[in-house]
Amino acid sequence: PPGPAAARFLPQDVELLGQRVPAGSAMVFLVAAANRDDRQFDDPE
């Protein structure tokens, strides 16, 4: 993917994967990693 990541800001606390991510944090969504997740794609590499 030409754009490998997208970032967002958290205006409030978020519970994610059993952890608390505090308000005011920056979250980066690693699109390029997600696009090669074997939970979604067979033999993704």
Full PDB file with SEQRES, HELIX, SHEET, SSBOND, CRYST1, ORIGX, SCALE, CONECT and MASTER records, all heavy atoms in Angstrom:
SEQRES   1 A   45  PRO PRO GLY PRO ALA ALA ALA ARG PHE LEU PRO GLN ASP          
SEQRES   2 A   45  VAL GLU LEU LEU GLY GLN ARG VAL PRO ALA GLY SER ALA          
SEQRES   3 A   45  MET VAL PHE LEU VAL ALA ALA ALA ASN ARG ASP ASP ARG          
SEQRES   4 A   45  GLN PHE ASP ASP PRO GLU                                      
HELIX    1 AA1 VAL A   31  ALA A   34  1                                   4    
SHEET    1 AA1 2 ALA A   6  PHE A   9  0                                        
SHEET    2 AA1 2 ALA A  26  PHE A  29 -1                                        
SHEET    1 AA2 2 VAL A  14  LEU A  16  0                                        
SHEET    2 AA2 2 GLN A  19  VAL A  21 -1                                        
CRYST1    1.000    1.000    1.000  90.00  90.00  90.00 P 1           1          
ORIGX1      1.000000  0.000000  0.000000        0.00000                         
ORIGX2      0.000000  1.000000  0.000000        0.00000                         
ORIGX3      0.000000  0.000000  1.000000        0.00000                         
SCALE1      1.000000  0.000000  0.000000        0.00000                         
SCALE2      0.000000  1.000000  0.000000        0.00000                         
SCALE3      0.000000  0.000000  1.000000        0.00000                         
ATOM      1  N   PRO A   1       0.819  -1.211   0.000  1.00  0.00           N  
ATOM      2  CA  PRO A   1       0.000   0.000   0.000  1.00  0.00           C  
ATOM      3  C   PRO A   1       0.854   1.264   0.000  1.00  0.00           C  
ATOM      4  O   PRO A   1       1.774   1.386   0.806  1.00  0.00           O  
ATOM      5  CB  PRO A   1      -0.813  -0.117   1.290  1.00  0.00           C  
ATOM      6  CG  PRO A   1      -0.027  -1.037   2.164  1.00  0.00           C  
ATOM      7  CD  PRO A   1       0.671  -1.992   1.247  1.00  0.00           C  
ATOM      8  N   PRO A   2       0.566   2.223  -0.891  1.00  0.00           N  
ATOM      9  CA  PRO A   2       1.340   3.470  -0.896  1.00  0.00           C  
ATOM     10  C   PRO A   2       1.245   4.237   0.415  1.00  0.00           C  
ATOM     11  O   PRO A   2       2.201   4.902   0.816  1.00  0.00           O  
ATOM     12  CB  PRO A   2       0.695   4.257  -2.048  1.00  0.00           C  
ATOM     13  CG  PRO A   2       0.131   3.214  -2.959  1.00  0.00           C  
ATOM     14  CD  PRO A   2      -0.369   2.145  -2.032  1.00  0.00           C  
ATOM     15  N   GLY A   3       0.103   4.163   1.075  1.00  0.00           N  
ATOM     16  CA  GLY A   3      -0.041   4.783   2.387  1.00  0.00           C  
ATOM     17  C   GLY A   3      -0.076   3.703   3.443  1.00  0.00           C  
ATOM     18  O   GLY A   3      -1.126   3.096   3.687  1.00  0.00           O  
ATOM     19  N   PRO A   4       1.056   3.397   4.100  1.00  0.00           N  
ATOM     20  CA  PRO A   4       1.114   2.218   4.981  1.00  0.00           C  
ATOM     21  C   PRO A   4       0.458   2.380   6.341  1.00  0.00           C  
ATOM     22  O   PRO A   4       0.277   1.397   7.053  1.00  0.00           O  
ATOM     23  CB  PRO A   4       2.620   1.989   5.147  1.00  0.00           C  
ATOM     24  CG  PRO A   4       3.235   3.338   4.937  1.00  0.00           C  
ATOM     25  CD  PRO A   4       2.366   4.046   3.937  1.00  0.00           C  
ATOM     26  N   ALA A   5       0.098   3.604   6.720  1.00  0.00           N  
ATOM     27  CA  ALA A   5      -0.457   3.812   8.058  1.00  0.00           C  
ATOM     28  C   ALA A   5      -1.377   5.018   8.064  1.00  0.00           C  
ATOM     29  O   ALA A   5      -1.251   5.930   7.247  1.00  0.00           O  
ATOM     30  CB  ALA A   5       0.668   4.009   9.080  1.00  0.00           C  
ATOM     31  N   ALA A   6      -2.322   5.015   9.003  1.00  0.00           N  
ATOM     32  CA  ALA A   6      -3.212   6.158   9.228  1.00  0.00           C  
ATOM     33  C   ALA A   6      -3.285   6.397  10.724  1.00  0.00           C  
ATOM     34  O   ALA A   6      -3.377   5.443  11.505  1.00  0.00           O  
ATOM     35  CB  ALA A   6      -4.611   5.883   8.665  1.00  0.00           C  
ATOM     36  N   ALA A   7      -3.234   7.641  11.135  1.00  0.00           N  
ATOM     37  CA  ALA A   7      -3.219   7.973  12.558  1.00  0.00           C  
ATOM     38  C   ALA A   7      -4.522   8.664  12.962  1.00  0.00           C  
ATOM     39  O   ALA A   7      -5.185   9.307  12.149  1.00  0.00           O  
ATOM     40  CB  ALA A   7      -2.032   8.871  12.882  1.00  0.00           C  
ATOM     41  N   ARG A   8      -4.881   8.518  14.224  1.00  0.00           N  
ATOM     42  CA  ARG A   8      -6.068   9.149  14.785  1.00  0.00           C  
ATOM     43  C   ARG A   8      -5.763   9.618  16.212  1.00  0.00           C  
ATOM     44  O   ARG A   8      -4.821   9.148  16.854  1.00  0.00           O  
ATOM     45  CB  ARG A   8      -7.260   8.177  14.815  1.00  0.00           C  
ATOM     46  CG  ARG A   8      -7.725   7.678  13.454  1.00  0.00           C  
ATOM     47  CD  ARG A   8      -8.408   8.751  12.647  1.00  0.00           C  
ATOM     48  NE  ARG A   8      -9.027   8.224  11.442  1.00  0.00           N  
ATOM     49  CZ  ARG A   8      -8.425   8.162  10.256  1.00  0.00           C  
ATOM     50  NH1 ARG A   8      -7.173   8.592  10.125  1.00  0.00           N  
ATOM     51  NH2 ARG A   8      -9.056   7.671   9.208  1.00  0.00           N  
ATOM     52  N   PHE A   9      -6.612  10.505  16.719  1.00  0.00           N  
ATOM     53  CA  PHE A   9      -6.490  11.043  18.077  1.00  0.00           C  
ATOM     54  C   PHE A   9      -7.629  10.503  18.932  1.00  0.00           C  
ATOM     55  O   PHE A   9      -8.759  10.364  18.448  1.00  0.00           O  
ATOM     56  CB  PHE A   9      -6.551  12.573  18.022  1.00  0.00           C  
ATOM     57  CG  PHE A   9      -6.469  13.249  19.367  1.00  0.00           C  
ATOM     58  CD1 PHE A   9      -5.246  13.454  19.985  1.00  0.00           C  
ATOM     59  CD2 PHE A   9      -7.631  13.691  20.003  1.00  0.00           C  
ATOM     60  CE1 PHE A   9      -5.176  14.083  21.219  1.00  0.00           C  
ATOM     61  CE2 PHE A   9      -7.571  14.322  21.237  1.00  0.00           C  
ATOM     62  CZ  PHE A   9      -6.334  14.523  21.844  1.00  0.00           C  
ATOM     63  N   LEU A  10      -7.337  10.198  20.196  1.00  0.00           N  
ATOM     64  CA  LEU A  10      -8.351   9.675  21.112  1.00  0.00           C  
ATOM     65  C   LEU A  10      -8.879  10.802  21.995  1.00  0.00           C  
ATOM     66  O   LEU A  10      -8.142  11.310  22.863  1.00  0.00           O  
ATOM     67  CB  LEU A  10      -7.776   8.570  22.000  1.00  0.00           C  
ATOM     68  CG  LEU A  10      -7.738   7.147  21.429  1.00  0.00           C  
ATOM     69  CD1 LEU A  10      -6.787   7.061  20.246  1.00  0.00           C  
ATOM     70  CD2 LEU A  10      -7.366   6.150  22.506  1.00  0.00           C  
ATOM     71  N   PRO A  11     -10.141  11.222  21.819  1.00  0.00           N  
ATOM     72  CA  PRO A  11     -10.700  12.264  22.682  1.00  0.00           C  
ATOM     73  C   PRO A  11     -11.120  11.742  24.056  1.00  0.00           C  
ATOM     74  O   PRO A  11     -11.392  12.525  24.956  1.00  0.00           O  
ATOM     75  CB  PRO A  11     -11.918  12.752  21.889  1.00  0.00           C  
ATOM     76  CG  PRO A  11     -12.345  11.562  21.096  1.00  0.00           C  
ATOM     77  CD  PRO A  11     -11.084  10.811  20.761  1.00  0.00           C  
ATOM     78  N   GLN A  12     -11.168  10.417  24.192  1.00  0.00           N  
ATOM     79  CA  GLN A  12     -11.554   9.803  25.465  1.00  0.00           C  
ATOM     80  C   GLN A  12     -10.836   8.469  25.607  1.00  0.00           C  
ATOM     81  O   GLN A  12     -10.278   7.948  24.638  1.00  0.00           O  
ATOM     82  CB  GLN A  12     -13.068   9.577  25.501  1.00  0.00           C  
ATOM     83  CG  GLN A  12     -13.567   8.711  24.354  1.00  0.00           C  
ATOM     84  CD  GLN A  12     -15.058   8.821  24.118  1.00  0.00           C  
ATOM     85  OE1 GLN A  12     -15.676   9.791  24.531  1.00  0.00           O  
ATOM     86  NE2 GLN A  12     -15.628   7.820  23.466  1.00  0.00           N  
ATOM     87  N   ASP A  13     -10.836   7.912  26.823  1.00  0.00           N  
ATOM     88  CA  ASP A  13     -10.215   6.609  27.041  1.00  0.00           C  
ATOM     89  C   ASP A  13     -10.887   5.557  26.162  1.00  0.00           C  
ATOM     90  O   ASP A  13     -12.095   5.603  25.911  1.00  0.00           O  
ATOM     91  CB  ASP A  13     -10.366   6.182  28.509  1.00  0.00           C  
ATOM     92  CG  ASP A  13      -9.520   7.015  29.460  1.00  0.00           C  
ATOM     93  OD1 ASP A  13      -8.822   7.926  28.986  1.00  0.00           O  
ATOM     94  OD2 ASP A  13      -9.590   6.759  30.669  1.00  0.00           O  
ATOM     95  N   VAL A  14     -10.073   4.597  25.719  1.00  0.00           N  
ATOM     96  CA  VAL A  14     -10.581   3.480  24.933  1.00  0.00           C  
ATOM     97  C   VAL A  14     -10.062   2.189  25.536  1.00  0.00           C  
ATOM     98  O   VAL A  14      -8.881   2.086  25.890  1.00  0.00           O  
ATOM     99  CB  VAL A  14     -10.134   3.591  23.455  1.00  0.00           C  
ATOM    100  CG1 VAL A  14     -10.439   2.298  22.702  1.00  0.00           C  
ATOM    101  CG2 VAL A  14     -10.818   4.771  22.780  1.00  0.00           C  
ATOM    102  N   GLU A  15     -10.942   1.200  25.683  1.00  0.00           N  
ATOM    103  CA  GLU A  15     -10.531  -0.131  26.096  1.00  0.00           C  
ATOM    104  C   GLU A  15     -10.287  -0.956  24.832  1.00  0.00           C  
ATOM    105  O   GLU A  15     -11.188  -1.114  24.010  1.00  0.00           O  
ATOM    106  CB  GLU A  15     -11.621  -0.793  26.943  1.00  0.00           C  
ATOM    107  CG  GLU A  15     -11.804  -0.167  28.315  1.00  0.00           C  
ATOM    108  CD  GLU A  15     -10.580  -0.346  29.218  1.00  0.00           C  
ATOM    109  OE1 GLU A  15      -9.938  -1.426  29.134  1.00  0.00           O  
ATOM    110  OE2 GLU A  15     -10.273   0.575  29.994  1.00  0.00           O  
ATOM    111  N   LEU A  16      -9.076  -1.463  24.703  1.00  0.00           N  
ATOM    112  CA  LEU A  16      -8.705  -2.171  23.480  1.00  0.00           C  
ATOM    113  C   LEU A  16      -7.778  -3.320  23.818  1.00  0.00           C  
ATOM    114  O   LEU A  16      -6.749  -3.123  24.484  1.00  0.00           O  
ATOM    115  CB  LEU A  16      -8.026  -1.205  22.507  1.00  0.00           C  
ATOM    116  CG  LEU A  16      -7.626  -1.744  21.133  1.00  0.00           C  
ATOM    117  CD1 LEU A  16      -8.846  -2.230  20.362  1.00  0.00           C  
ATOM    118  CD2 LEU A  16      -6.884  -0.682  20.338  1.00  0.00           C  
ATOM    119  N   LEU A  17      -8.149  -4.507  23.386  1.00  0.00           N  
ATOM    120  CA  LEU A  17      -7.341  -5.706  23.607  1.00  0.00           C  
ATOM    121  C   LEU A  17      -6.956  -5.869  25.076  1.00  0.00           C  
ATOM    122  O   LEU A  17      -5.825  -6.222  25.416  1.00  0.00           O  
ATOM    123  CB  LEU A  17      -6.081  -5.661  22.717  1.00  0.00           C  
ATOM    124  CG  LEU A  17      -6.360  -5.693  21.201  1.00  0.00           C  
ATOM    125  CD1 LEU A  17      -5.072  -5.470  20.408  1.00  0.00           C  
ATOM    126  CD2 LEU A  17      -6.976  -7.035  20.799  1.00  0.00           C  
ATOM    127  N   GLY A  18      -7.919  -5.594  25.950  1.00  0.00           N  
ATOM    128  CA  GLY A  18      -7.708  -5.777  27.381  1.00  0.00           C  
ATOM    129  C   GLY A  18      -6.896  -4.700  28.053  1.00  0.00           C  
ATOM    130  O   GLY A  18      -6.529  -4.840  29.226  1.00  0.00           O  
ATOM    131  N   GLN A  19      -6.610  -3.617  27.343  1.00  0.00           N  
ATOM    132  CA  GLN A  19      -5.826  -2.529  27.911  1.00  0.00           C  
ATOM    133  C   GLN A  19      -6.583  -1.217  27.759  1.00  0.00           C  
ATOM    134  O   GLN A  19      -7.429  -1.061  26.890  1.00  0.00           O  
ATOM    135  CB  GLN A  19      -4.470  -2.412  27.208  1.00  0.00           C  
ATOM    136  CG  GLN A  19      -3.583  -3.644  27.313  1.00  0.00           C  
ATOM    137  CD  GLN A  19      -2.244  -3.437  26.636  1.00  0.00           C  
ATOM    138  OE1 GLN A  19      -1.538  -2.486  26.920  1.00  0.00           O  
ATOM    139  NE2 GLN A  19      -1.895  -4.342  25.737  1.00  0.00           N  
ATOM    140  N   ARG A  20      -6.233  -0.268  28.628  1.00  0.00           N  
ATOM    141  CA  ARG A  20      -6.806   1.075  28.534  1.00  0.00           C  
ATOM    142  C   ARG A  20      -5.833   1.974  27.786  1.00  0.00           C  
ATOM    143  O   ARG A  20      -4.672   2.106  28.164  1.00  0.00           O  
ATOM    144  CB  ARG A  20      -7.071   1.653  29.928  1.00  0.00           C  
ATOM    145  CG  ARG A  20      -7.744   3.047  29.892  1.00  0.00           C  
ATOM    146  CD  ARG A  20      -7.931   3.590  31.295  1.00  0.00           C  
ATOM    147  NE  ARG A  20      -6.654   3.924  31.907  1.00  0.00           N  
ATOM    148  CZ  ARG A  20      -6.037   5.112  31.774  1.00  0.00           C  
ATOM    149  NH1 ARG A  20      -6.590   6.075  31.060  1.00  0.00           N  
ATOM    150  NH2 ARG A  20      -4.881   5.328  32.373  1.00  0.00           N  
ATOM    151  N   VAL A  21      -6.320   2.588  26.724  1.00  0.00           N  
ATOM    152  CA  VAL A  21      -5.533   3.590  26.003  1.00  0.00           C  
ATOM    153  C   VAL A  21      -6.083   4.947  26.419  1.00  0.00           C  
ATOM    154  O   VAL A  21      -7.268   5.232  26.188  1.00  0.00           O  
ATOM    155  CB  VAL A  21      -5.634   3.408  24.475  1.00  0.00           C  
ATOM    156  CG1 VAL A  21      -4.749   4.416  23.762  1.00  0.00           C  
ATOM    157  CG2 VAL A  21      -5.255   1.979  24.084  1.00  0.00           C  
ATOM    158  N   PRO A  22      -5.275   5.798  27.042  1.00  0.00           N  
ATOM    159  CA  PRO A  22      -5.821   7.017  27.659  1.00  0.00           C  
ATOM    160  C   PRO A  22      -6.200   8.086  26.648  1.00  0.00           C  
ATOM    161  O   PRO A  22      -5.636   8.178  25.560  1.00  0.00           O  
ATOM    162  CB  PRO A  22      -4.673   7.499  28.555  1.00  0.00           C  
ATOM    163  CG  PRO A  22      -3.435   6.934  27.942  1.00  0.00           C  
ATOM    164  CD  PRO A  22      -3.839   5.619  27.339  1.00  0.00           C  
ATOM    165  N   ALA A  23      -7.167   8.910  27.036  1.00  0.00           N  
ATOM    166  CA  ALA A  23      -7.543  10.071  26.229  1.00  0.00           C  
ATOM    167  C   ALA A  23      -6.318  10.939  25.964  1.00  0.00           C  
ATOM    168  O   ALA A  23      -5.427  11.050  26.816  1.00  0.00           O  
ATOM    169  CB  ALA A  23      -8.620  10.877  26.959  1.00  0.00           C  
ATOM    170  N   GLY A  24      -6.288  11.528  24.788  1.00  0.00           N  
ATOM    171  CA  GLY A  24      -5.153  12.362  24.410  1.00  0.00           C  
ATOM    172  C   GLY A  24      -4.061  11.610  23.681  1.00  0.00           C  
ATOM    173  O   GLY A  24      -3.083  12.208  23.233  1.00  0.00           O  
ATOM    174  N   SER A  25      -4.222  10.294  23.548  1.00  0.00           N  
ATOM    175  CA  SER A  25      -3.212   9.486  22.863  1.00  0.00           C  
ATOM    176  C   SER A  25      -3.356   9.594  21.347  1.00  0.00           C  
ATOM    177  O   SER A  25      -4.418   9.934  20.821  1.00  0.00           O  
ATOM    178  CB  SER A  25      -3.331   8.014  23.269  1.00  0.00           C  
ATOM    179  OG  SER A  25      -3.089   7.838  24.639  1.00  0.00           O  
ATOM    180  N   ALA A  26      -2.283   9.263  20.663  1.00  0.00           N  
ATOM    181  CA  ALA A  26      -2.310   9.082  19.212  1.00  0.00           C  
ATOM    182  C   ALA A  26      -2.292   7.593  18.924  1.00  0.00           C  
ATOM    183  O   ALA A  26      -1.503   6.844  19.515  1.00  0.00           O  
ATOM    184  CB  ALA A  26      -1.106   9.762  18.562  1.00  0.00           C  
ATOM    185  N   MET A  27      -3.170   7.160  18.017  1.00  0.00           N  
ATOM    186  CA  MET A  27      -3.233   5.763  17.601  1.00  0.00           C  
ATOM    187  C   MET A  27      -2.876   5.667  16.127  1.00  0.00           C  
ATOM    188  O   MET A  27      -3.440   6.397  15.305  1.00  0.00           O  
ATOM    189  CB  MET A  27      -4.633   5.197  17.831  1.00  0.00           C  
ATOM    190  CG  MET A  27      -4.818   3.758  17.348  1.00  0.00           C  
ATOM    191  SD  MET A  27      -3.859   2.569  18.327  1.00  0.00           S  
ATOM    192  CE  MET A  27      -4.823   2.571  19.859  1.00  0.00           C  
ATOM    193  N   VAL A  28      -1.960   4.769  15.800  1.00  0.00           N  
ATOM    194  CA  VAL A  28      -1.569   4.539  14.407  1.00  0.00           C  
ATOM    195  C   VAL A  28      -2.129   3.193  13.964  1.00  0.00           C  
ATOM    196  O   VAL A  28      -1.867   2.165  14.598  1.00  0.00           O  
ATOM    197  CB  VAL A  28      -0.040   4.564  14.243  1.00  0.00           C  
ATOM    198  CG1 VAL A  28       0.342   4.255  12.799  1.00  0.00           C  
ATOM    199  CG2 VAL A  28       0.519   5.924  14.651  1.00  0.00           C  
ATOM    200  N   PHE A  29      -2.909   3.219  12.917  1.00  0.00           N  
ATOM    201  CA  PHE A  29      -3.446   1.995  12.331  1.00  0.00           C  
ATOM    202  C   PHE A  29      -2.508   1.557  11.212  1.00  0.00           C  
ATOM    203  O   PHE A  29      -2.391   2.246  10.190  1.00  0.00           O  
ATOM    204  CB  PHE A  29      -4.861   2.230  11.805  1.00  0.00           C  
ATOM    205  CG  PHE A  29      -5.842   2.595  12.879  1.00  0.00           C  
ATOM    206  CD1 PHE A  29      -6.285   3.902  13.023  1.00  0.00           C  
ATOM    207  CD2 PHE A  29      -6.292   1.641  13.769  1.00  0.00           C  
ATOM    208  CE1 PHE A  29      -7.177   4.242  14.020  1.00  0.00           C  
ATOM    209  CE2 PHE A  29      -7.183   1.967  14.786  1.00  0.00           C  
ATOM    210  CZ  PHE A  29      -7.623   3.272  14.913  1.00  0.00           C  
ATOM    211  N   LEU A  30      -1.829   0.428  11.428  1.00  0.00           N  
ATOM    212  CA  LEU A  30      -0.817  -0.043  10.483  1.00  0.00           C  
ATOM    213  C   LEU A  30      -1.494  -0.826   9.360  1.00  0.00           C  
ATOM    214  O   LEU A  30      -1.577  -2.054   9.383  1.00  0.00           O  
ATOM    215  CB  LEU A  30       0.216  -0.900  11.213  1.00  0.00           C  
ATOM    216  CG  LEU A  30       1.091  -0.132  12.215  1.00  0.00           C  
ATOM    217  CD1 LEU A  30       1.975  -1.086  13.007  1.00  0.00           C  
ATOM    218  CD2 LEU A  30       1.938   0.911  11.505  1.00  0.00           C  
ATOM    219  N   VAL A  31      -1.962  -0.085   8.397  1.00  0.00           N  
ATOM    220  CA  VAL A  31      -2.693  -0.659   7.272  1.00  0.00           C  
ATOM    221  C   VAL A  31      -1.860  -1.705   6.540  1.00  0.00           C  
ATOM    222  O   VAL A  31      -2.360  -2.773   6.162  1.00  0.00           O  
ATOM    223  CB  VAL A  31      -3.137   0.471   6.319  1.00  0.00           C  
ATOM    224  CG1 VAL A  31      -3.636  -0.084   4.995  1.00  0.00           C  
ATOM    225  CG2 VAL A  31      -4.201   1.335   6.988  1.00  0.00           C  
ATOM    226  N   ALA A  32      -0.588  -1.401   6.325  1.00  0.00           N  
ATOM    227  CA  ALA A  32       0.269  -2.342   5.594  1.00  0.00           C  
ATOM    228  C   ALA A  32       0.442  -3.651   6.357  1.00  0.00           C  
ATOM    229  O   ALA A  32       0.574  -4.722   5.756  1.00  0.00           O  
ATOM    230  CB  ALA A  32       1.631  -1.709   5.317  1.00  0.00           C  
ATOM    231  N   ALA A  33       0.437  -3.586   7.680  1.00  0.00           N  
ATOM    232  CA  ALA A  33       0.504  -4.813   8.482  1.00  0.00           C  
ATOM    233  C   ALA A  33      -0.822  -5.552   8.424  1.00  0.00           C  
ATOM    234  O   ALA A  33      -0.860  -6.786   8.294  1.00  0.00           O  
ATOM    235  CB  ALA A  33       0.858  -4.466   9.925  1.00  0.00           C  
ATOM    236  N   ALA A  34      -1.918  -4.822   8.518  1.00  0.00           N  
ATOM    237  CA  ALA A  34      -3.244  -5.438   8.474  1.00  0.00           C  
ATOM    238  C   ALA A  34      -3.490  -6.156   7.154  1.00  0.00           C  
ATOM    239  O   ALA A  34      -4.122  -7.221   7.114  1.00  0.00           O  
ATOM    240  CB  ALA A  34      -4.314  -4.374   8.695  1.00  0.00           C  
ATOM    241  N   ASN A  35      -2.977  -5.583   6.073  1.00  0.00           N  
ATOM    242  CA  ASN A  35      -3.164  -6.176   4.746  1.00  0.00           C  
ATOM    243  C   ASN A  35      -2.406  -7.497   4.568  1.00  0.00           C  
ATOM    244  O   ASN A  35      -2.611  -8.190   3.569  1.00  0.00           O  
ATOM    245  CB  ASN A  35      -2.708  -5.204   3.659  1.00  0.00           C  
ATOM    246  CG  ASN A  35      -3.743  -4.146   3.345  1.00  0.00           C  
ATOM    247  OD1 ASN A  35      -4.863  -4.192   3.829  1.00  0.00           O  
ATOM    248  ND2 ASN A  35      -3.367  -3.181   2.527  1.00  0.00           N  
ATOM    249  N   ARG A  36      -1.537  -7.820   5.534  1.00  0.00           N  
ATOM    250  CA  ARG A  36      -0.829  -9.103   5.480  1.00  0.00           C  
ATOM    251  C   ARG A  36      -1.115  -9.953   6.717  1.00  0.00           C  
ATOM    252  O   ARG A  36      -0.288 -10.772   7.135  1.00  0.00           O  
ATOM    253  CB  ARG A  36       0.675  -8.873   5.314  1.00  0.00           C  
ATOM    254  CG  ARG A  36       1.045  -8.193   4.000  1.00  0.00           C  
ATOM    255  CD  ARG A  36       2.485  -8.442   3.654  1.00  0.00           C  
ATOM    256  NE  ARG A  36       2.917  -7.693   2.482  1.00  0.00           N  
ATOM    257  CZ  ARG A  36       4.088  -7.875   1.869  1.00  0.00           C  
ATOM    258  NH1 ARG A  36       4.936  -8.790   2.330  1.00  0.00           N  
ATOM    259  NH2 ARG A  36       4.416  -7.155   0.823  1.00  0.00           N  
ATOM    260  N   ASP A  37      -2.290  -9.780   7.265  1.00  0.00           N  
ATOM    261  CA  ASP A  37      -2.698 -10.541   8.444  1.00  0.00           C  
ATOM    262  C   ASP A  37      -3.264 -11.884   7.998  1.00  0.00           C  
ATOM    263  O   ASP A  37      -4.244 -11.939   7.244  1.00  0.00           O  
ATOM    264  CB  ASP A  37      -3.742  -9.743   9.213  1.00  0.00           C  
ATOM    265  CG  ASP A  37      -4.105 -10.366  10.556  1.00  0.00           C  
ATOM    266  OD1 ASP A  37      -3.694 -11.524  10.813  1.00  0.00           O  
ATOM    267  OD2 ASP A  37      -4.818  -9.706  11.331  1.00  0.00           O  
ATOM    268  N   ASP A  38      -2.665 -12.981   8.482  1.00  0.00           N  
ATOM    269  CA  ASP A  38      -3.140 -14.303   8.042  1.00  0.00           C  
ATOM    270  C   ASP A  38      -4.483 -14.667   8.659  1.00  0.00           C  
ATOM    271  O   ASP A  38      -5.077 -15.690   8.314  1.00  0.00           O  
ATOM    272  CB  ASP A  38      -2.096 -15.386   8.317  1.00  0.00           C  
ATOM    273  CG  ASP A  38      -1.726 -15.522   9.781  1.00  0.00           C  
ATOM    274  OD1 ASP A  38      -2.414 -14.927  10.643  1.00  0.00           O  
ATOM    275  OD2 ASP A  38      -0.736 -16.220  10.072  1.00  0.00           O  
ATOM    276  N   ARG A  39      -4.996 -13.835   9.557  1.00  0.00           N  
ATOM    277  CA  ARG A  39      -6.362 -14.034  10.050  1.00  0.00           C  
ATOM    278  C   ARG A  39      -7.386 -13.600   9.000  1.00  0.00           C  
ATOM    279  O   ARG A  39      -8.551 -14.008   9.068  1.00  0.00           O  
ATOM    280  CB  ARG A  39      -6.583 -13.235  11.335  1.00  0.00           C  
ATOM    281  CG  ARG A  39      -5.684 -13.665  12.497  1.00  0.00           C  
ATOM    282  CD  ARG A  39      -5.598 -12.583  13.569  1.00  0.00           C  
ATOM    283  NE  ARG A  39      -4.609 -12.933  14.574  1.00  0.00           N  
ATOM    284  CZ  ARG A  39      -3.294 -12.749  14.429  1.00  0.00           C  
ATOM    285  NH1 ARG A  39      -2.823 -12.220  13.313  1.00  0.00           N  
ATOM    286  NH2 ARG A  39      -2.462 -13.096  15.383  1.00  0.00           N  
ATOM    287  N   GLN A  40      -6.942 -12.780   8.057  1.00  0.00           N  
ATOM    288  CA  GLN A  40      -7.828 -12.256   7.024  1.00  0.00           C  
ATOM    289  C   GLN A  40      -7.525 -12.838   5.649  1.00  0.00           C  
ATOM    290  O   GLN A  40      -8.433 -13.039   4.837  1.00  0.00           O  
ATOM    291  CB  GLN A  40      -7.700 -10.723   6.970  1.00  0.00           C  
ATOM    292  CG  GLN A  40      -8.546 -10.030   5.912  1.00  0.00           C  
ATOM    293  CD  GLN A  40     -10.033 -10.054   6.254  1.00  0.00           C  
ATOM    294  OE1 GLN A  40     -10.403 -10.334   7.397  1.00  0.00           O  
ATOM    295  NE2 GLN A  40     -10.882  -9.763   5.272  1.00  0.00           N  
ATOM    296  N   PHE A  41      -6.245 -13.120   5.378  1.00  0.00           N  
ATOM    297  CA  PHE A  41      -5.827 -13.562   4.052  1.00  0.00           C  
ATOM    298  C   PHE A  41      -5.019 -14.860   4.156  1.00  0.00           C  
ATOM    299  O   PHE A  41      -4.180 -15.000   5.050  1.00  0.00           O  
ATOM    300  CB  PHE A  41      -4.949 -12.501   3.369  1.00  0.00           C  
ATOM    301  CG  PHE A  41      -5.593 -11.150   3.261  1.00  0.00           C  
ATOM    302  CD1 PHE A  41      -5.274 -10.129   4.145  1.00  0.00           C  
ATOM    303  CD2 PHE A  41      -6.530 -10.888   2.272  1.00  0.00           C  
ATOM    304  CE1 PHE A  41      -5.866  -8.883   4.053  1.00  0.00           C  
ATOM    305  CE2 PHE A  41      -7.127  -9.642   2.159  1.00  0.00           C  
ATOM    306  CZ  PHE A  41      -6.797  -8.641   3.061  1.00  0.00           C  
ATOM    307  N   ASP A  42      -5.256 -15.777   3.242  1.00  0.00           N  
ATOM    308  CA  ASP A  42      -4.461 -16.997   3.174  1.00  0.00           C  
ATOM    309  C   ASP A  42      -3.084 -16.677   2.599  1.00  0.00           C  
ATOM    310  O   ASP A  42      -2.975 -16.004   1.569  1.00  0.00           O  
ATOM    311  CB  ASP A  42      -5.155 -18.034   2.288  1.00  0.00           C  
ATOM    312  CG  ASP A  42      -6.445 -18.556   2.901  1.00  0.00           C  
ATOM    313  OD1 ASP A  42      -6.545 -18.566   4.153  1.00  0.00           O  
ATOM    314  OD2 ASP A  42      -7.351 -18.928   2.131  1.00  0.00           O  
ATOM    315  N   ASP A  43      -2.041 -17.181   3.273  1.00  0.00           N  
ATOM    316  CA  ASP A  43      -0.665 -16.994   2.796  1.00  0.00           C  
ATOM    317  C   ASP A  43      -0.431 -15.543   2.379  1.00  0.00           C  
ATOM    318  O   ASP A  43      -0.069 -15.248   1.233  1.00  0.00           O  
ATOM    319  CB  ASP A  43      -0.399 -17.943   1.616  1.00  0.00           C  
ATOM    320  CG  ASP A  43       1.079 -18.100   1.317  1.00  0.00           C  
ATOM    321  OD1 ASP A  43       1.906 -17.595   2.094  1.00  0.00           O  
ATOM    322  OD2 ASP A  43       1.401 -18.707   0.269  1.00  0.00           O  
ATOM    323  N   PRO A  44      -0.609 -14.588   3.298  1.00  0.00           N  
ATOM    324  CA  PRO A  44      -0.648 -13.170   2.926  1.00  0.00           C  
ATOM    325  C   PRO A  44       0.675 -12.597   2.446  1.00  0.00           C  
ATOM    326  O   PRO A  44       0.683 -11.560   1.779  1.00  0.00           O  
ATOM    327  CB  PRO A  44      -1.093 -12.482   4.213  1.00  0.00           C  
ATOM    328  CG  PRO A  44      -0.652 -13.404   5.304  1.00  0.00           C  
ATOM    329  CD  PRO A  44      -0.810 -14.773   4.749  1.00  0.00           C  
ATOM    330  N   GLU A  45       1.812 -13.255   2.770  1.00  0.00           N  
ATOM    331  CA  GLU A  45       3.104 -12.736   2.320  1.00  0.00           C  
ATOM    332  C   GLU A  45       3.370 -13.068   0.851  1.00  0.00           C  
ATOM    333  O   GLU A  45       4.344 -12.596   0.266  1.00  0.00           O  
ATOM    334  CB  GLU A  45       4.233 -13.305   3.186  1.00  0.00           C  
ATOM    335  CG  GLU A  45       4.095 -13.031   4.673  1.00  0.00           C  
ATOM    336  CD  GLU A  45       4.344 -11.578   5.044  1.00  0.00           C  
ATOM    337  OE1 GLU A  45       4.794 -10.810   4.166  1.00  0.00           O  
ATOM    338  OE2 GLU A  45       4.067 -11.202   6.203  1.00  0.00           O  
TER     339      GLU A  45                                                      
MASTER        0    0    0    1    4    0    0    6  338    1    0    4          
END                                                                             
